[in-house]
Amino acid sequence: MTGVLEGFALIGAIILVGYVLGRTGILGERADAVLSRLAFFVGAPALLFVTLSQARVTTLVDARSLLSYALASAMILTYVLIARFVMRRPAAETVIGGLCAGYVNAGNLGIPIAVYALGGAQEAAPSMVFQLVVLAPASFVILDLLERRSSGIRVRDAVAPLLNPLVLASAAGVVCAATQWRPPEVVLAPLETLAGLAVPAMLLAFGISLRGAPVPGRSAVRPQLTLIVVLKSFVQPLLAWVVGTAIGLDAHALLAVVVIAALPTAQNVFTYAMRYDRGVMVTRESVLVTTILAVPVVLVAAAVLS
């Protein structure tokens, strides 16, 4: 229980610092955009490479991990279908909203919670790897294609999204993990240092963006926000418990898959929304609301299934 609260306290403290910076204007009017771009183009690629290059490939394909992947994908697909064909939302905004519904905060919040509540950071690694290697790159390709199409550039330029720094970093990290090759220290040391700025930059940018933002649920994105919150905060962990029990996961694996599913929308998605300037408001509100709701949901899951 203490680990869960510590994880949420850590993320809340950094967001609060960002909010204060935004209120005082110390970093300027567009500080959130600058920090988001810094995280997207520098910090996040370094973090992806360092994390993925050290991942254990064998842990990525067990029953618990596969269930987590399926649940995240199902939430994203459900949101996309409803938002696009029922709510008639724009395509690029729908992609970002889909990530809000299924992309869990397995990094800066999931890791401390996994350490204290589940016994080790490795419990959060499979979801983080799947999101970084599959969900994020696939979303970038789609968003880049939509961006190019709206700019009048032909779809034949589809190879361009593959040069996205996060896609390249993910690919390089996976190759290193698969071949068990460790870069020389002179290369790895600066990458590890740059990786350290990714999460603080994301959280500070998010905190700054809260300056003057409307109260969640009172803006024009309320219908999308409601759908995201229902899927992310309640349906995903509930399905994790039901399906995990049905397929016979042991007690620890069941607790892990439910806790990971109950994690809130990741701040990474806000960085992506800022980068593509799509779905920024709904992402900001989704991160805030699902983070608040995740506290009681994770605590209940830990108390019932421990």
Protein backbone atom coordinates (compact mmCIF):
# COMPACT_ATOMS: atom_id res chain seq x y z
CA MET A 1 0.00 0.00 0.00
CA THR A 2 2.80 2.41 0.91
CA GLY A 3 4.44 1.87 -2.48
CA VAL A 4 1.26 2.76 -4.33
CA LEU A 5 0.88 6.00 -2.39
CA GLU A 6 4.56 6.84 -2.82
CA GLY A 7 4.27 6.40 -6.57
CA PHE A 8 1.31 8.75 -6.81
CA ALA A 9 2.94 11.26 -4.44
CA LEU A 10 6.06 11.37 -6.61
CA ILE A 11 4.21 12.12 -9.81
CA GLY A 12 1.93 14.63 -8.08
CA ALA A 13 4.84 16.58 -6.60
CA ILE A 14 6.55 17.07 -9.96
CA ILE A 15 3.29 18.07 -11.66
CA LEU A 16 2.72 20.59 -8.85
CA VAL A 17 6.15 22.10 -9.48
CA GLY A 18 5.24 22.44 -13.15
CA TYR A 19 1.96 24.11 -12.27
CA VAL A 20 3.76 26.64 -10.05
CA LEU A 21 6.23 27.34 -12.86
CA GLY A 22 3.31 27.90 -15.21
CA ARG A 23 1.54 30.24 -12.80
CA THR A 24 4.65 32.34 -12.22
CA GLY A 25 5.70 32.38 -15.88
CA ILE A 26 9.35 31.85 -15.00
CA LEU A 27 9.98 29.69 -18.07
CA GLY A 28 8.00 31.81 -20.52
CA GLU A 29 4.66 31.46 -22.28
CA ARG A 30 5.46 28.37 -24.37
CA ALA A 31 7.45 26.45 -21.79
CA ASP A 32 5.10 23.45 -21.94
CA ALA A 33 5.61 23.13 -25.71
CA VAL A 34 9.39 23.46 -25.40
CA LEU A 35 9.60 20.86 -22.62
CA SER A 36 7.31 18.51 -24.55
CA ARG A 37 9.51 18.76 -27.65
CA LEU A 38 12.61 18.26 -25.52
CA ALA A 39 11.08 15.10 -24.08
CA PHE A 40 9.87 13.87 -27.47
CA PHE A 41 13.04 14.44 -29.47
CA VAL A 42 15.77 13.98 -26.84
CA GLY A 43 14.76 12.51 -23.48
CA ALA A 44 12.18 9.95 -24.58
CA PRO A 45 14.31 8.39 -27.36
CA ALA A 46 17.21 8.00 -24.94
CA LEU A 47 14.90 6.50 -22.29
CA LEU A 48 13.40 4.12 -24.84
CA PHE A 49 16.75 2.87 -25.99
CA VAL A 50 18.18 2.41 -22.48
CA THR A 51 15.03 0.67 -21.21
CA LEU A 52 14.46 -1.62 -24.16
CA SER A 53 18.09 -2.57 -24.62
CA GLN A 54 18.10 -3.98 -21.08
CA ALA A 55 14.75 -5.77 -21.28
CA ARG A 56 14.49 -9.56 -20.97
CA VAL A 57 12.88 -10.86 -24.13
CA THR A 58 11.53 -14.03 -22.48
CA THR A 59 9.26 -12.08 -20.13
CA LEU A 60 7.45 -10.42 -23.00
CA VAL A 61 5.44 -13.43 -24.18
CA ASP A 62 4.04 -15.12 -21.07
CA ALA A 63 0.28 -15.34 -20.42
CA ARG A 64 0.13 -12.31 -18.15
CA SER A 65 2.01 -10.12 -20.60
CA LEU A 66 -0.07 -11.23 -23.57
CA LEU A 67 -3.25 -10.49 -21.61
CA SER A 68 -2.00 -6.98 -20.82
CA TYR A 69 -1.26 -6.36 -24.50
CA ALA A 70 -4.69 -7.63 -25.55
CA LEU A 71 -6.50 -5.47 -22.99
CA ALA A 72 -4.66 -2.30 -23.98
CA SER A 73 -5.32 -2.97 -27.66
CA ALA A 74 -9.00 -3.71 -26.98
CA MET A 75 -9.48 -0.43 -25.10
CA ILE A 76 -7.82 1.53 -27.90
CA LEU A 77 -9.86 -0.18 -30.60
CA THR A 78 -13.11 0.28 -28.68
CA TYR A 79 -12.48 3.99 -28.24
CA VAL A 80 -11.44 4.49 -31.87
CA LEU A 81 -14.57 2.78 -33.20
CA ILE A 82 -16.92 4.75 -30.95
CA ALA A 83 -15.17 8.11 -31.29
CA ARG A 84 -14.73 7.88 -35.04
CA PHE A 85 -18.01 6.33 -36.16
CA VAL A 86 -20.44 7.37 -33.40
CA MET A 87 -19.02 10.66 -32.13
CA ARG A 88 -17.60 11.58 -35.56
CA ARG A 89 -14.34 12.90 -34.15
CA PRO A 90 -11.42 13.83 -36.45
CA ALA A 91 -9.05 10.97 -37.30
CA ALA A 92 -5.85 12.31 -35.70
CA GLU A 93 -7.67 13.34 -32.51
CA THR A 94 -9.22 9.87 -32.39
CA VAL A 95 -5.78 8.24 -32.52
CA ILE A 96 -4.62 10.31 -29.55
CA GLY A 97 -7.85 9.57 -27.68
CA GLY A 98 -7.37 5.87 -28.30
CA LEU A 99 -3.97 6.05 -26.66
CA CYS A 100 -5.56 7.82 -23.69
CA ALA A 101 -7.94 4.87 -23.30
CA GLY A 102 -5.35 2.10 -23.34
CA TYR A 103 -1.80 3.44 -22.91
CA VAL A 104 -1.01 2.92 -19.21
CA ASN A 105 1.52 4.82 -17.13
CA ALA A 106 3.84 1.83 -16.84
CA GLY A 107 6.99 3.95 -16.58
CA ASN A 108 7.25 6.75 -14.06
CA LEU A 109 4.21 5.55 -12.06
CA GLY A 110 4.10 1.86 -12.92
CA ILE A 111 7.71 1.14 -11.97
CA PRO A 112 7.57 2.45 -8.36
CA ILE A 113 4.20 0.77 -7.85
CA ALA A 114 5.55 -2.47 -9.29
CA VAL A 115 8.58 -2.31 -7.00
CA TYR A 116 6.59 -1.76 -3.81
CA ALA A 117 3.28 -3.46 -4.54
CA LEU A 118 4.29 -6.28 -6.89
CA GLY A 119 7.83 -7.09 -5.79
CA GLY A 120 9.91 -5.74 -8.66
CA ALA A 121 10.13 -3.29 -11.57
CA GLN A 122 10.13 -6.20 -14.03
CA GLU A 123 6.37 -6.55 -13.52
CA ALA A 124 5.82 -3.25 -15.34
CA ALA A 125 8.39 -3.88 -18.06
CA PRO A 126 6.29 -5.97 -20.51
CA SER A 127 3.53 -3.38 -20.81
CA MET A 128 6.06 -0.59 -21.11
CA VAL A 129 7.96 -2.45 -23.85
CA PHE A 130 4.75 -3.28 -25.77
CA GLN A 131 3.64 0.34 -25.65
CA LEU A 132 7.01 1.69 -26.68
CA VAL A 133 7.73 -0.87 -29.39
CA VAL A 134 4.24 -1.43 -30.83
CA LEU A 135 1.60 1.09 -29.76
CA ALA A 136 3.65 4.29 -29.87
CA PRO A 137 5.48 3.67 -33.18
CA ALA A 138 2.30 2.48 -34.89
CA SER A 139 0.48 5.60 -33.68
CA PHE A 140 3.31 7.85 -34.89
CA VAL A 141 3.18 6.30 -38.35
CA ILE A 142 -0.59 6.87 -38.53
CA LEU A 143 -0.35 10.42 -37.17
CA ASP A 144 2.50 11.31 -39.52
CA LEU A 145 0.56 9.94 -42.47
CA LEU A 146 -2.52 11.93 -41.48
CA GLU A 147 -0.39 15.03 -41.01
CA ARG A 148 1.20 14.62 -44.42
CA ARG A 149 -2.12 13.92 -46.08
CA SER A 150 -3.63 17.08 -44.63
CA SER A 151 -0.57 18.99 -45.87
CA GLY A 152 -1.01 17.69 -49.40
CA ILE A 153 1.98 15.34 -49.34
CA ARG A 154 1.44 12.01 -51.04
CA VAL A 155 1.10 8.79 -49.12
CA ARG A 156 4.19 7.50 -50.95
CA ASP A 157 6.16 9.46 -48.35
CA ALA A 158 5.00 6.90 -45.78
CA VAL A 159 8.60 5.88 -45.16
CA ALA A 160 9.19 9.26 -43.52
CA PRO A 161 7.36 8.36 -40.26
CA LEU A 162 9.83 5.52 -39.78
CA LEU A 163 12.49 8.18 -39.18
CA ASN A 164 10.62 9.33 -36.07
CA PRO A 165 13.22 9.43 -33.24
CA LEU A 166 11.07 7.32 -30.92
CA VAL A 167 10.59 4.66 -33.59
CA LEU A 168 14.33 4.56 -34.32
CA ALA A 169 15.21 4.42 -30.62
CA SER A 170 12.73 1.62 -30.01
CA ALA A 171 14.06 -0.42 -32.91
CA ALA A 172 17.65 0.02 -31.78
CA GLY A 173 16.79 -0.96 -28.21
CA VAL A 174 14.96 -4.11 -29.29
CA VAL A 175 17.90 -5.16 -31.49
CA CYS A 176 20.30 -4.73 -28.57
CA ALA A 177 18.02 -6.74 -26.27
CA ALA A 178 17.56 -9.54 -28.80
CA THR A 179 21.29 -9.80 -29.53
CA GLN A 180 22.28 -9.13 -25.89
CA TRP A 181 24.74 -6.51 -27.09
CA ARG A 182 25.59 -3.74 -24.65
CA PRO A 183 26.86 -0.45 -26.11
CA PRO A 184 30.23 0.78 -24.85
CA GLU A 185 30.11 2.92 -21.74
CA VAL A 186 31.20 6.02 -23.64
CA VAL A 187 27.95 5.73 -25.64
CA LEU A 188 25.66 4.43 -22.91
CA ALA A 189 26.59 6.95 -20.19
CA PRO A 190 25.38 10.10 -22.00
CA LEU A 191 22.25 8.25 -23.15
CA GLU A 192 21.43 7.31 -19.56
CA THR A 193 21.92 10.92 -18.50
CA LEU A 194 19.64 12.21 -21.27
CA ALA A 195 17.10 9.50 -20.41
CA GLY A 196 16.88 10.95 -16.92
CA LEU A 197 15.32 14.16 -18.21
CA ALA A 198 12.46 12.47 -20.09
CA VAL A 199 10.01 11.83 -17.25
CA PRO A 200 10.61 15.11 -15.35
CA ALA A 201 10.25 17.07 -18.59
CA MET A 202 6.97 15.31 -19.40
CA LEU A 203 5.56 15.87 -15.91
CA LEU A 204 6.68 19.50 -15.74
CA ALA A 205 5.17 20.19 -19.17
CA PHE A 206 1.92 18.63 -18.03
CA GLY A 207 1.89 20.70 -14.83
CA ILE A 208 2.57 23.91 -16.75
CA SER A 209 -0.28 23.11 -19.15
CA LEU A 210 -2.74 23.03 -16.23
CA ARG A 211 -2.36 26.79 -15.81
CA GLY A 212 -5.71 28.29 -16.76
CA ALA A 213 -7.07 24.95 -17.95
CA PRO A 214 -10.82 24.35 -17.43
CA VAL A 215 -12.01 21.99 -14.72
CA PRO A 216 -12.07 18.45 -16.18
CA GLY A 217 -15.51 17.48 -17.43
CA ARG A 218 -16.67 21.06 -18.02
CA SER A 219 -15.01 21.53 -21.41
CA ALA A 220 -16.14 20.66 -24.92
CA VAL A 221 -14.37 17.29 -24.73
CA ARG A 222 -16.61 15.92 -21.99
CA PRO A 223 -18.12 13.09 -24.11
CA GLN A 224 -14.68 11.82 -25.18
CA LEU A 225 -13.34 12.22 -21.65
CA THR A 226 -16.20 10.20 -20.19
CA LEU A 227 -15.63 7.36 -22.64
CA ILE A 228 -11.89 7.33 -21.96
CA VAL A 229 -12.32 7.34 -18.18
CA VAL A 230 -14.85 4.49 -18.27
CA LEU A 231 -12.61 2.35 -20.49
CA LYS A 232 -9.30 3.16 -18.83
CA SER A 233 -10.19 3.37 -15.14
CA PHE A 234 -12.91 0.72 -14.86
CA VAL A 235 -13.35 -1.56 -17.87
CA GLN A 236 -9.66 -2.36 -18.38
CA PRO A 237 -8.89 -3.47 -14.80
CA LEU A 238 -12.24 -5.28 -14.51
CA LEU A 239 -11.55 -7.24 -17.69
CA ALA A 240 -8.05 -7.98 -16.43
CA TRP A 241 -9.52 -9.58 -13.31
CA VAL A 242 -12.25 -11.50 -15.15
CA VAL A 243 -10.08 -12.81 -17.99
CA GLY A 244 -7.07 -13.41 -15.75
CA THR A 245 -9.20 -15.53 -13.42
CA ALA A 246 -10.75 -17.38 -16.36
CA ILE A 247 -7.40 -18.39 -17.86
CA GLY A 248 -6.07 -19.52 -14.49
CA LEU A 249 -3.38 -16.97 -13.67
CA ASP A 250 -1.82 -17.56 -10.26
CA ALA A 251 -2.47 -15.06 -7.48
CA HIS A 252 0.61 -12.93 -8.07
CA ALA A 253 0.21 -12.81 -11.85
CA LEU A 254 -3.47 -11.90 -11.46
CA LEU A 255 -2.63 -9.07 -9.06
CA ALA A 256 0.05 -7.81 -11.44
CA VAL A 257 -2.17 -7.78 -14.53
CA VAL A 258 -5.01 -6.01 -12.67
CA VAL A 259 -2.75 -3.38 -11.09
CA ILE A 260 -1.01 -2.64 -14.39
CA ALA A 261 -4.39 -2.37 -16.15
CA ALA A 262 -5.61 0.04 -13.45
CA LEU A 263 -2.73 2.46 -13.97
CA PRO A 264 -3.81 5.83 -15.40
CA THR A 265 -3.20 7.27 -18.85
CA ALA A 266 0.52 7.90 -19.31
CA GLN A 267 1.96 11.43 -19.51
CA ASN A 268 3.73 10.21 -22.66
CA VAL A 269 0.41 10.55 -24.48
CA PHE A 270 0.25 14.23 -23.53
CA THR A 271 3.73 14.66 -25.03
CA TYR A 272 2.52 13.00 -28.23
CA ALA A 273 -0.59 15.18 -28.30
CA MET A 274 1.53 18.31 -27.91
CA ARG A 275 3.91 17.16 -30.63
CA TYR A 276 1.13 16.63 -33.18
CA ASP A 277 -1.14 19.37 -31.77
CA ARG A 278 -4.11 17.00 -31.72
CA GLY A 279 -6.34 16.07 -28.79
CA VAL A 280 -4.34 18.14 -26.32
CA MET A 281 -7.31 19.10 -24.13
CA VAL A 282 -8.83 15.64 -23.91
CA THR A 283 -5.41 14.15 -23.18
CA ARG A 284 -4.67 16.63 -20.42
CA GLU A 285 -8.01 15.97 -18.76
CA SER A 286 -7.72 12.20 -19.24
CA VAL A 287 -4.31 12.07 -17.56
CA LEU A 288 -5.54 14.14 -14.63
CA VAL A 289 -8.84 12.32 -14.04
CA THR A 290 -7.52 8.78 -14.54
CA THR A 291 -4.57 9.49 -12.26
CA ILE A 292 -6.94 10.59 -9.49
CA LEU A 293 -9.20 7.58 -9.99
CA ALA A 294 -6.28 5.17 -10.16
CA VAL A 295 -5.49 5.74 -6.49
CA PRO A 296 -8.62 4.03 -5.08
CA VAL A 297 -8.77 1.46 -7.89
CA VAL A 298 -5.17 0.29 -7.40
CA LEU A 299 -5.53 0.33 -3.62
CA VAL A 300 -8.69 -1.82 -3.80
CA ALA A 301 -7.06 -4.23 -6.24
CA ALA A 302 -4.00 -4.58 -4.02
CA ALA A 303 -6.16 -5.11 -0.91
CA VAL A 304 -8.50 -7.69 -2.50
CA LEU A 305 -5.97 -9.69 -4.52
CA SER A 306 -2.88 -9.58 -2.29
